[in-house]
Amino acid sequence: MEIAYRALDLAEAHIVAGMLRAHGLEAHVAGHYLQGVLGEVGTFDLVQVKVIDEDYLAARILIDEYEQRK
């Protein structure tokens, strides 16, 4: 699996992963348990959205569009 996106928090990671899934891509949010360790301080790039290698390019195109709308 490839890291397609590094999220600021779990909510954002799930938004991005949901968007990717809605477009037929397999997406996985990593770092669920690590954020609990750090609490409110921040994740320091520990929350990631991962996709299978074959979906990486398509995922990055969708994520780039998402980032432009932010």
Protein backbone atom coordinates (compact mmCIF):
# COMPACT_ATOMS: atom_id res chain seq x y z
CA MET A 1 0.00 0.00 0.00
CA GLU A 2 1.08 3.54 -0.72
CA ILE A 3 0.52 6.63 1.43
CA ALA A 4 -1.74 8.80 -0.72
CA TYR A 5 -2.49 11.48 1.87
CA ARG A 6 -1.21 12.68 5.24
CA ALA A 7 -4.12 14.12 7.18
CA LEU A 8 -4.19 16.69 9.95
CA ASP A 9 -6.56 14.56 12.02
CA LEU A 10 -8.75 11.44 11.88
CA ALA A 11 -11.83 13.32 10.69
CA GLU A 12 -10.03 14.67 7.64
CA ALA A 13 -8.51 11.26 6.90
CA HIS A 14 -11.96 9.67 6.92
CA ILE A 15 -13.34 12.39 4.65
CA VAL A 16 -10.58 11.77 2.12
CA ALA A 17 -10.84 7.98 2.40
CA GLY A 18 -14.61 8.19 1.94
CA MET A 19 -14.18 10.34 -1.15
CA LEU A 20 -11.75 7.80 -2.61
CA ARG A 21 -14.09 4.90 -1.83
CA ALA A 22 -16.97 6.79 -3.47
CA HIS A 23 -14.87 6.81 -6.63
CA GLY A 24 -14.31 3.05 -6.44
CA LEU A 25 -10.84 3.09 -4.92
CA GLU A 26 -9.83 0.96 -1.97
CA ALA A 27 -8.69 3.28 0.85
CA HIS A 28 -7.51 2.60 4.40
CA VAL A 29 -7.04 5.08 7.26
CA ALA A 30 -3.90 4.35 9.28
CA GLY A 31 -2.99 5.90 12.61
CA HIS A 32 -6.25 5.48 14.53
CA TYR A 33 -4.59 4.31 17.69
CA LEU A 34 -1.60 6.62 17.50
CA GLN A 35 -3.72 9.77 17.76
CA GLY A 36 -5.10 8.59 21.09
CA VAL A 37 -1.58 8.48 22.47
CA LEU A 38 -0.97 12.10 21.54
CA GLY A 39 -4.44 13.37 22.44
CA GLU A 40 -5.13 16.99 21.56
CA VAL A 41 -1.52 17.86 20.82
CA GLY A 42 -1.68 16.74 17.19
CA THR A 43 -0.79 13.77 15.07
CA PHE A 44 2.55 14.86 13.59
CA ASP A 45 1.75 13.17 10.25
CA LEU A 46 0.76 9.91 11.89
CA VAL A 47 -2.73 9.79 10.36
CA GLN A 48 -2.51 8.63 6.76
CA VAL A 49 -4.79 7.50 3.99
CA LYS A 50 -3.33 4.53 2.17
CA VAL A 51 -4.35 3.01 -1.13
CA ILE A 52 -3.25 -0.06 -3.05
CA ASP A 53 -0.34 0.56 -5.37
CA GLU A 54 -2.47 0.30 -8.51
CA ASP A 55 -4.85 3.05 -7.27
CA TYR A 56 -2.16 5.51 -6.19
CA LEU A 57 -2.19 7.73 -9.30
CA ALA A 58 -5.98 7.91 -9.47
CA ALA A 59 -6.11 8.66 -5.74
CA ARG A 60 -3.58 11.48 -6.04
CA ILE A 61 -5.59 13.09 -8.86
CA LEU A 62 -8.73 13.06 -6.70
CA ILE A 63 -6.85 14.29 -3.63
CA ASP A 64 -5.26 17.14 -5.60
CA GLU A 65 -8.77 18.23 -6.68
CA TYR A 66 -9.95 17.99 -3.06
CA GLU A 67 -7.01 20.11 -1.84
CA GLN A 68 -7.72 22.80 -4.43
CA ARG A 69 -11.29 23.14 -3.10
CA LYS A 70 -10.18 23.51 0.54
